[in-house]
Amino acid sequence: MCRNIKTLFNFDPPATEEEVHAAAVQFVRKLSGFTAPSKANEAAFHIAIDEVTAVAQKLLSSLVTNAEPRNRQVEIERAKIRSVKRFGTK
């Protein structure tokens, strides 16, 4: 499940709200062990996602680096190459 959480810091353009929210969903799913919560846990699940999203946004906005921002297209191509090496198909 957590393999879907991608690095969001130091990209140009910066990570979107949707990307941070998607990472928060994956994180909460991993912690809880649920891909979809029961009705009894649904409110707590969604509150946790909102809180993790807010904390992640705060973290990303407070981090600093001297490194050049990474290019999303270059990172996508690198991931495809790693995938071919690992699984042998495109």
PDB file of N, CA and C in Angstrom:
ATOM      1  N   MET A   1       0.805  -1.191   0.000  1.00  0.00           N
ATOM      2  CA  MET A   1       0.000   0.000   0.000  1.00  0.00           C
ATOM      3  C   MET A   1       0.853   1.262   0.000  1.00  0.00           C
ATOM      4  N   CYS A   2       1.869   1.347   0.834  1.00  0.00           N
ATOM      5  CA  CYS A   2       2.648   2.574   0.950  1.00  0.00           C
ATOM      6  C   CYS A   2       3.579   2.815  -0.222  1.00  0.00           C
ATOM      7  N   ARG A   3       3.718   1.864  -1.092  1.00  0.00           N
ATOM      8  CA  ARG A   3       4.553   2.102  -2.259  1.00  0.00           C
ATOM      9  C   ARG A   3       3.982   3.199  -3.142  1.00  0.00           C
ATOM     10  N   ASN A   4       2.705   3.513  -2.968  1.00  0.00           N
ATOM     11  CA  ASN A   4       2.071   4.561  -3.758  1.00  0.00           C
ATOM     12  C   ASN A   4       2.370   5.954  -3.230  1.00  0.00           C
ATOM     13  N   ILE A   5       2.959   6.060  -2.057  1.00  0.00           N
ATOM     14  CA  ILE A   5       3.309   7.370  -1.527  1.00  0.00           C
ATOM     15  C   ILE A   5       4.612   7.788  -2.193  1.00  0.00           C
ATOM     16  N   LYS A   6       4.552   8.901  -2.891  1.00  0.00           N
ATOM     17  CA  LYS A   6       5.710   9.405  -3.620  1.00  0.00           C
ATOM     18  C   LYS A   6       6.317  10.595  -2.892  1.00  0.00           C
ATOM     19  N   THR A   7       7.588  10.849  -3.139  1.00  0.00           N
ATOM     20  CA  THR A   7       8.234  12.045  -2.615  1.00  0.00           C
ATOM     21  C   THR A   7       7.550  13.256  -3.221  1.00  0.00           C
ATOM     22  N   LEU A   8       7.201  14.214  -2.384  1.00  0.00           N
ATOM     23  CA  LEU A   8       6.484  15.398  -2.848  1.00  0.00           C
ATOM     24  C   LEU A   8       7.286  16.676  -2.699  1.00  0.00           C
ATOM     25  N   PHE A   9       8.422  16.607  -2.053  1.00  0.00           N
ATOM     26  CA  PHE A   9       9.227  17.803  -1.797  1.00  0.00           C
ATOM     27  C   PHE A   9      10.181  18.102  -2.942  1.00  0.00           C
ATOM     28  N   ASN A  10      10.369  19.377  -3.184  1.00  0.00           N
ATOM     29  CA  ASN A  10      11.358  19.920  -4.120  1.00  0.00           C
ATOM     30  C   ASN A  10      11.073  19.561  -5.571  1.00  0.00           C
ATOM     31  N   PHE A  11       9.837  19.756  -5.978  1.00  0.00           N
ATOM     32  CA  PHE A  11       9.468  19.591  -7.379  1.00  0.00           C
ATOM     33  C   PHE A  11       9.062  20.933  -7.950  1.00  0.00           C
ATOM     34  N   ASP A  12       9.260  21.073  -9.225  1.00  0.00           N
ATOM     35  CA  ASP A  12       8.797  22.261  -9.927  1.00  0.00           C
ATOM     36  C   ASP A  12       7.860  21.813 -11.025  1.00  0.00           C
ATOM     37  N   PRO A  13       6.585  22.118 -10.957  1.00  0.00           N
ATOM     38  CA  PRO A  13       5.889  22.892  -9.932  1.00  0.00           C
ATOM     39  C   PRO A  13       5.722  22.082  -8.647  1.00  0.00           C
ATOM     40  N   PRO A  14       5.460  22.789  -7.543  1.00  0.00           N
ATOM     41  CA  PRO A  14       5.309  22.104  -6.248  1.00  0.00           C
ATOM     42  C   PRO A  14       4.148  21.117  -6.248  1.00  0.00           C
ATOM     43  N   ALA A  15       4.158  20.233  -5.269  1.00  0.00           N
ATOM     44  CA  ALA A  15       3.084  19.248  -5.121  1.00  0.00           C
ATOM     45  C   ALA A  15       1.743  19.951  -4.973  1.00  0.00           C
ATOM     46  N   THR A  16       0.731  19.370  -5.582  1.00  0.00           N
ATOM     47  CA  THR A  16      -0.605  19.949  -5.503  1.00  0.00           C
ATOM     48  C   THR A  16      -1.307  19.462  -4.235  1.00  0.00           C
ATOM     49  N   GLU A  17      -2.384  20.124  -3.898  1.00  0.00           N
ATOM     50  CA  GLU A  17      -3.214  19.716  -2.762  1.00  0.00           C
ATOM     51  C   GLU A  17      -3.697  18.286  -2.952  1.00  0.00           C
ATOM     52  N   GLU A  18      -4.051  17.939  -4.193  1.00  0.00           N
ATOM     53  CA  GLU A  18      -4.549  16.588  -4.491  1.00  0.00           C
ATOM     54  C   GLU A  18      -3.471  15.537  -4.262  1.00  0.00           C
ATOM     55  N   GLU A  19      -2.225  15.834  -4.638  1.00  0.00           N
ATOM     56  CA  GLU A  19      -1.131  14.889  -4.423  1.00  0.00           C
ATOM     57  C   GLU A  19      -0.864  14.673  -2.937  1.00  0.00           C
ATOM     58  N   VAL A  20      -0.899  15.748  -2.164  1.00  0.00           N
ATOM     59  CA  VAL A  20      -0.680  15.641  -0.721  1.00  0.00           C
ATOM     60  C   VAL A  20      -1.831  14.862  -0.090  1.00  0.00           C
ATOM     61  N   HIS A  21      -3.046  15.130  -0.519  1.00  0.00           N
ATOM     62  CA  HIS A  21      -4.214  14.412   0.011  1.00  0.00           C
ATOM     63  C   HIS A  21      -4.117  12.927  -0.330  1.00  0.00           C
ATOM     64  N   ALA A  22      -3.728  12.588  -1.555  1.00  0.00           N
ATOM     65  CA  ALA A  22      -3.598  11.175  -1.950  1.00  0.00           C
ATOM     66  C   ALA A  22      -2.553  10.463  -1.096  1.00  0.00           C
ATOM     67  N   ALA A  23      -1.452  11.139  -0.801  1.00  0.00           N
ATOM     68  CA  ALA A  23      -0.429  10.545   0.063  1.00  0.00           C
ATOM     69  C   ALA A  23      -0.978  10.339   1.470  1.00  0.00           C
ATOM     70  N   ALA A  24      -1.769  11.301   1.959  1.00  0.00           N
ATOM     71  CA  ALA A  24      -2.370  11.179   3.289  1.00  0.00           C
ATOM     72  C   ALA A  24      -3.333   9.993   3.341  1.00  0.00           C
ATOM     73  N   VAL A  25      -4.115   9.807   2.288  1.00  0.00           N
ATOM     74  CA  VAL A  25      -5.036   8.667   2.228  1.00  0.00           C
ATOM     75  C   VAL A  25      -4.260   7.365   2.316  1.00  0.00           C
ATOM     76  N   GLN A  26      -3.185   7.240   1.553  1.00  0.00           N
ATOM     77  CA  GLN A  26      -2.384   6.023   1.578  1.00  0.00           C
ATOM     78  C   GLN A  26      -1.768   5.790   2.957  1.00  0.00           C
ATOM     79  N   PHE A  27      -1.302   6.857   3.584  1.00  0.00           N
ATOM     80  CA  PHE A  27      -0.698   6.747   4.912  1.00  0.00           C
ATOM     81  C   PHE A  27      -1.721   6.271   5.942  1.00  0.00           C
ATOM     82  N   VAL A  28      -2.903   6.871   5.931  1.00  0.00           N
ATOM     83  CA  VAL A  28      -3.948   6.479   6.885  1.00  0.00           C
ATOM     84  C   VAL A  28      -4.417   5.050   6.609  1.00  0.00           C
ATOM     85  N   ARG A  29      -4.511   4.685   5.349  1.00  0.00           N
ATOM     86  CA  ARG A  29      -4.879   3.305   5.015  1.00  0.00           C
ATOM     87  C   ARG A  29      -3.857   2.325   5.574  1.00  0.00           C
ATOM     88  N   LYS A  30      -2.590   2.648   5.427  1.00  0.00           N
ATOM     89  CA  LYS A  30      -1.542   1.757   5.918  1.00  0.00           C
ATOM     90  C   LYS A  30      -1.586   1.651   7.439  1.00  0.00           C
ATOM     91  N   LEU A  31      -1.713   2.782   8.115  1.00  0.00           N
ATOM     92  CA  LEU A  31      -1.751   2.761   9.576  1.00  0.00           C
ATOM     93  C   LEU A  31      -2.950   2.002  10.112  1.00  0.00           C
ATOM     94  N   SER A  32      -4.117   2.215   9.490  1.00  0.00           N
ATOM     95  CA  SER A  32      -5.340   1.606   9.995  1.00  0.00           C
ATOM     96  C   SER A  32      -5.512   0.156   9.557  1.00  0.00           C
ATOM     97  N   GLY A  33      -4.912  -0.182   8.425  1.00  0.00           N
ATOM     98  CA  GLY A  33      -5.108  -1.513   7.874  1.00  0.00           C
ATOM     99  C   GLY A  33      -6.375  -1.629   7.043  1.00  0.00           C
ATOM    100  N   PHE A  34      -7.068  -0.530   6.834  1.00  0.00           N
ATOM    101  CA  PHE A  34      -8.303  -0.509   6.049  1.00  0.00           C
ATOM    102  C   PHE A  34      -8.066   0.197   4.719  1.00  0.00           C
ATOM    103  N   THR A  35      -8.576  -0.365   3.648  1.00  0.00           N
ATOM    104  CA  THR A  35      -8.611   0.399   2.397  1.00  0.00           C
ATOM    105  C   THR A  35      -9.874   1.242   2.354  1.00  0.00           C
ATOM    106  N   ALA A  36     -10.914   0.746   3.009  1.00  0.00           N
ATOM    107  CA  ALA A  36     -12.156   1.500   3.181  1.00  0.00           C
ATOM    108  C   ALA A  36     -12.665   1.179   4.584  1.00  0.00           C
ATOM    109  N   PRO A  37     -12.903   2.203   5.386  1.00  0.00           N
ATOM    110  CA  PRO A  37     -13.321   1.950   6.759  1.00  0.00           C
ATOM    111  C   PRO A  37     -14.781   1.516   6.840  1.00  0.00           C
ATOM    112  N   SER A  38     -15.107   0.869   7.927  1.00  0.00           N
ATOM    113  CA  SER A  38     -16.511   0.543   8.193  1.00  0.00           C
ATOM    114  C   SER A  38     -17.252   1.834   8.510  1.00  0.00           C
ATOM    115  N   LYS A  39     -18.566   1.758   8.507  1.00  0.00           N
ATOM    116  CA  LYS A  39     -19.377   2.939   8.845  1.00  0.00           C
ATOM    117  C   LYS A  39     -19.017   3.458  10.242  1.00  0.00           C
ATOM    118  N   ALA A  40     -18.740   2.548  11.157  1.00  0.00           N
ATOM    119  CA  ALA A  40     -18.402   2.939  12.529  1.00  0.00           C
ATOM    120  C   ALA A  40     -17.089   3.715  12.602  1.00  0.00           C
ATOM    121  N   ASN A  41     -16.166   3.454  11.670  1.00  0.00           N
ATOM    122  CA  ASN A  41     -14.853   4.097  11.679  1.00  0.00           C
ATOM    123  C   ASN A  41     -14.695   5.179  10.615  1.00  0.00           C
ATOM    124  N   GLU A  42     -15.714   5.378   9.821  1.00  0.00           N
ATOM    125  CA  GLU A  42     -15.601   6.290   8.680  1.00  0.00           C
ATOM    126  C   GLU A  42     -15.259   7.722   9.099  1.00  0.00           C
ATOM    127  N   ALA A  43     -15.909   8.243  10.121  1.00  0.00           N
ATOM    128  CA  ALA A  43     -15.644   9.625  10.560  1.00  0.00           C
ATOM    129  C   ALA A  43     -14.200   9.774  11.039  1.00  0.00           C
ATOM    130  N   ALA A  44     -13.740   8.849  11.859  1.00  0.00           N
ATOM    131  CA  ALA A  44     -12.364   8.909  12.364  1.00  0.00           C
ATOM    132  C   ALA A  44     -11.356   8.804  11.223  1.00  0.00           C
ATOM    133  N   PHE A  45     -11.654   7.957  10.251  1.00  0.00           N
ATOM    134  CA  PHE A  45     -10.787   7.762   9.086  1.00  0.00           C
ATOM    135  C   PHE A  45     -10.639   9.076   8.316  1.00  0.00           C
ATOM    136  N   HIS A  46     -11.754   9.747   8.050  1.00  0.00           N
ATOM    137  CA  HIS A  46     -11.719  10.986   7.278  1.00  0.00           C
ATOM    138  C   HIS A  46     -11.100  12.146   8.059  1.00  0.00           C
ATOM    139  N   ILE A  47     -11.319  12.177   9.359  1.00  0.00           N
ATOM    140  CA  ILE A  47     -10.664  13.194  10.192  1.00  0.00           C
ATOM    141  C   ILE A  47      -9.154  12.994  10.156  1.00  0.00           C
ATOM    142  N   ALA A  48      -8.718  11.751  10.258  1.00  0.00           N
ATOM    143  CA  ALA A  48      -7.278  11.456  10.212  1.00  0.00           C
ATOM    144  C   ALA A  48      -6.684  11.875   8.879  1.00  0.00           C
ATOM    145  N   ILE A  49      -7.381  11.604   7.787  1.00  0.00           N
ATOM    146  CA  ILE A  49      -6.883  11.996   6.462  1.00  0.00           C
ATOM    147  C   ILE A  49      -6.735  13.517   6.388  1.00  0.00           C
ATOM    148  N   ASP A  50      -7.737  14.245   6.869  1.00  0.00           N
ATOM    149  CA  ASP A  50      -7.673  15.714   6.838  1.00  0.00           C
ATOM    150  C   ASP A  50      -6.517  16.232   7.683  1.00  0.00           C
ATOM    151  N   GLU A  51      -6.315  15.645   8.858  1.00  0.00           N
ATOM    152  CA  GLU A  51      -5.240  16.097   9.740  1.00  0.00           C
ATOM    153  C   GLU A  51      -3.864  15.762   9.166  1.00  0.00           C
ATOM    154  N   VAL A  52      -3.715  14.580   8.597  1.00  0.00           N
ATOM    155  CA  VAL A  52      -2.435  14.203   7.990  1.00  0.00           C
ATOM    156  C   VAL A  52      -2.151  15.099   6.786  1.00  0.00           C
ATOM    157  N   THR A  53      -3.166  15.407   6.000  1.00  0.00           N
ATOM    158  CA  THR A  53      -2.989  16.306   4.856  1.00  0.00           C
ATOM    159  C   THR A  53      -2.491  17.667   5.323  1.00  0.00           C
ATOM    160  N   ALA A  54      -3.099  18.205   6.364  1.00  0.00           N
ATOM    161  CA  ALA A  54      -2.700  19.518   6.875  1.00  0.00           C
ATOM    162  C   ALA A  54      -1.261  19.506   7.389  1.00  0.00           C
ATOM    163  N   VAL A  55      -0.897  18.470   8.120  1.00  0.00           N
ATOM    164  CA  VAL A  55       0.463  18.371   8.655  1.00  0.00           C
ATOM    165  C   VAL A  55       1.475  18.202   7.520  1.00  0.00           C
ATOM    166  N   ALA A  56       1.125  17.404   6.529  1.00  0.00           N
ATOM    167  CA  ALA A  56       2.025  17.200   5.393  1.00  0.00           C
ATOM    168  C   ALA A  56       2.222  18.504   4.615  1.00  0.00           C
ATOM    169  N   GLN A  57       1.144  19.259   4.415  1.00  0.00           N
ATOM    170  CA  GLN A  57       1.260  20.562   3.735  1.00  0.00           C
ATOM    171  C   GLN A  57       2.172  21.489   4.529  1.00  0.00           C
ATOM    172  N   LYS A  58       1.995  21.501   5.848  1.00  0.00           N
ATOM    173  CA  LYS A  58       2.828  22.345   6.714  1.00  0.00           C
ATOM    174  C   LYS A  58       4.291  21.934   6.614  1.00  0.00           C
ATOM    175  N   LEU A  59       4.547  20.633   6.633  1.00  0.00           N
ATOM    176  CA  LEU A  59       5.911  20.128   6.496  1.00  0.00           C
ATOM    177  C   LEU A  59       6.522  20.551   5.167  1.00  0.00           C
ATOM    178  N   LEU A  60       5.810  20.306   4.076  1.00  0.00           N
ATOM    179  CA  LEU A  60       6.345  20.624   2.758  1.00  0.00           C
ATOM    180  C   LEU A  60       6.622  22.115   2.595  1.00  0.00           C
ATOM    181  N   SER A  61       5.776  22.953   3.183  1.00  0.00           N
ATOM    182  CA  SER A  61       5.978  24.395   3.041  1.00  0.00           C
ATOM    183  C   SER A  61       7.106  24.914   3.931  1.00  0.00           C
ATOM    184  N   SER A  62       7.487  24.161   4.954  1.00  0.00           N
ATOM    185  CA  SER A  62       8.546  24.624   5.853  1.00  0.00           C
ATOM    186  C   SER A  62       9.928  24.063   5.517  1.00  0.00           C
ATOM    187  N   LEU A  63       9.999  23.043   4.679  1.00  0.00           N
ATOM    188  CA  LEU A  63      11.293  22.471   4.314  1.00  0.00           C
ATOM    189  C   LEU A  63      12.059  23.408   3.392  1.00  0.00           C
ATOM    190  N   VAL A  64      13.376  23.405   3.515  1.00  0.00           N
ATOM    191  CA  VAL A  64      14.246  24.207   2.651  1.00  0.00           C
ATOM    192  C   VAL A  64      15.342  23.322   2.081  1.00  0.00           C
ATOM    193  N   THR A  65      15.816  23.701   0.927  1.00  0.00           N
ATOM    194  CA  THR A  65      16.917  22.969   0.295  1.00  0.00           C
ATOM    195  C   THR A  65      17.670  23.902  -0.640  1.00  0.00           C
ATOM    196  N   ASN A  66      18.932  23.570  -0.872  1.00  0.00           N
ATOM    197  CA  ASN A  66      19.733  24.298  -1.850  1.00  0.00           C
ATOM    198  C   ASN A  66      19.759  23.564  -3.189  1.00  0.00           C
ATOM    199  N   ALA A  67      19.188  22.373  -3.215  1.00  0.00           N
ATOM    200  CA  ALA A  67      19.192  21.561  -4.437  1.00  0.00           C
ATOM    201  C   ALA A  67      18.219  22.148  -5.456  1.00  0.00           C
ATOM    202  N   GLU A  68      18.533  21.930  -6.711  1.00  0.00           N
ATOM    203  CA  GLU A  68      17.643  22.345  -7.789  1.00  0.00           C
ATOM    204  C   GLU A  68      16.352  21.542  -7.713  1.00  0.00           C
ATOM    205  N   PRO A  69      15.214  22.156  -8.018  1.00  0.00           N
ATOM    206  CA  PRO A  69      13.956  21.409  -8.027  1.00  0.00           C
ATOM    207  C   PRO A  69      14.005  20.276  -9.053  1.00  0.00           C
ATOM    208  N   ARG A  70      13.376  19.165  -8.710  1.00  0.00           N
ATOM    209  CA  ARG A  70      13.343  18.018  -9.604  1.00  0.00           C
ATOM    210  C   ARG A  70      12.268  18.222 -10.668  1.00  0.00           C
ATOM    211  N   ASN A  71      12.536  17.658 -11.822  1.00  0.00           N
ATOM    212  CA  ASN A  71      11.609  17.730 -12.940  1.00  0.00           C
ATOM    213  C   ASN A  71      10.706  16.509 -12.899  1.00  0.00           C
ATOM    214  N   ARG A  72       9.406  16.727 -12.927  1.00  0.00           N
ATOM    215  CA  ARG A  72       8.454  15.620 -12.831  1.00  0.00           C
ATOM    216  C   ARG A  72       8.583  14.640 -13.995  1.00  0.00           C
ATOM    217  N   GLN A  73       8.767  15.148 -15.185  1.00  0.00           N
ATOM    218  CA  GLN A  73       8.871  14.264 -16.346  1.00  0.00           C
ATOM    219  C   GLN A  73      10.119  13.379 -16.272  1.00  0.00           C
ATOM    220  N   VAL A  74      11.214  13.937 -15.826  1.00  0.00           N
ATOM    221  CA  VAL A  74      12.445  13.159 -15.675  1.00  0.00           C
ATOM    222  C   VAL A  74      12.238  12.060 -14.632  1.00  0.00           C
ATOM    223  N   GLU A  75      11.591  12.393 -13.526  1.00  0.00           N
ATOM    224  CA  GLU A  75      11.333  11.403 -12.472  1.00  0.00           C
ATOM    225  C   GLU A  75      10.392  10.305 -12.960  1.00  0.00           C
ATOM    226  N   ILE A  76       9.416  10.652 -13.776  1.00  0.00           N
ATOM    227  CA  ILE A  76       8.503   9.650 -14.343  1.00  0.00           C
ATOM    228  C   ILE A  76       9.270   8.691 -15.242  1.00  0.00           C
ATOM    229  N   GLU A  77      10.147   9.222 -16.072  1.00  0.00           N
ATOM    230  CA  GLU A  77      10.948   8.371 -16.952  1.00  0.00           C
ATOM    231  C   GLU A  77      11.878   7.459 -16.161  1.00  0.00           C
ATOM    232  N   ARG A  78      12.474   7.982 -15.106  1.00  0.00           N
ATOM    233  CA  ARG A  78      13.345   7.156 -14.253  1.00  0.00           C
ATOM    234  C   ARG A  78      12.553   6.019 -13.616  1.00  0.00           C
ATOM    235  N   ALA A  79      11.343   6.315 -13.169  1.00  0.00           N
ATOM    236  CA  ALA A  79      10.493   5.292 -12.554  1.00  0.00           C
ATOM    237  C   ALA A  79      10.130   4.216 -13.569  1.00  0.00           C
ATOM    238  N   LYS A  80       9.875   4.605 -14.810  1.00  0.00           N
ATOM    239  CA  LYS A  80       9.565   3.625 -15.859  1.00  0.00           C
ATOM    240  C   LYS A  80      10.757   2.717 -16.124  1.00  0.00           C
ATOM    241  N   ILE A  81      11.941   3.283 -16.156  1.00  0.00           N
ATOM    242  CA  ILE A  81      13.163   2.497 -16.375  1.00  0.00           C
ATOM    243  C   ILE A  81      13.372   1.512 -15.224  1.00  0.00           C
ATOM    244  N   ARG A  82      13.168   1.987 -13.976  1.00  0.00           N
ATOM    245  CA  ARG A  82      13.297   1.083 -12.818  1.00  0.00           C
ATOM    246  C   ARG A  82      12.274  -0.038 -12.884  1.00  0.00           C
ATOM    247  N   SER A  83      11.071   0.273 -13.338  1.00  0.00           N
ATOM    248  CA  SER A  83      10.027  -0.719 -13.439  1.00  0.00           C
ATOM    249  C   SER A  83      10.379  -1.797 -14.461  1.00  0.00           C
ATOM    250  N   VAL A  84      10.911  -1.370 -15.596  1.00  0.00           N
ATOM    251  CA  VAL A  84      11.298  -2.334 -16.642  1.00  0.00           C
ATOM    252  C   VAL A  84      12.414  -3.227 -16.117  1.00  0.00           C
ATOM    253  N   LYS A  85      13.384  -2.653 -15.423  1.00  0.00           N
ATOM    254  CA  LYS A  85      14.480  -3.447 -14.859  1.00  0.00           C
ATOM    255  C   LYS A  85      13.956  -4.443 -13.831  1.00  0.00           C
ATOM    256  N   ARG A  86      12.995  -4.002 -13.032  1.00  0.00           N
ATOM    257  CA  ARG A  86      12.484  -4.843 -11.952  1.00  0.00           C
ATOM    258  C   ARG A  86      11.538  -5.926 -12.465  1.00  0.00           C
ATOM    259  N   PHE A  87      10.613  -5.564 -13.354  1.00  0.00           N
ATOM    260  CA  PHE A  87       9.578  -6.487 -13.772  1.00  0.00           C
ATOM    261  C   PHE A  87       9.758  -7.033 -15.191  1.00  0.00           C
ATOM    262  N   GLY A  88      10.658  -6.402 -15.964  1.00  0.00           N
ATOM    263  CA  GLY A  88      10.963  -6.912 -17.287  1.00  0.00           C
ATOM    264  C   GLY A  88       9.957  -6.559 -18.374  1.00  0.00           C
ATOM    265  N   THR A  89       8.969  -5.755 -18.092  1.00  0.00           N
ATOM    266  CA  THR A  89       8.016  -5.312 -19.109  1.00  0.00           C
ATOM    267  C   THR A  89       7.755  -3.834 -18.964  1.00  0.00           C
ATOM    268  N   LYS A  90       7.178  -3.270 -20.012  1.00  0.00           N
ATOM    269  CA  LYS A  90       6.836  -1.842 -19.962  1.00  0.00           C
ATOM    270  C   LYS A  90       5.438  -1.654 -19.481  1.00  0.00           C
TER     271      LYS A  90
END
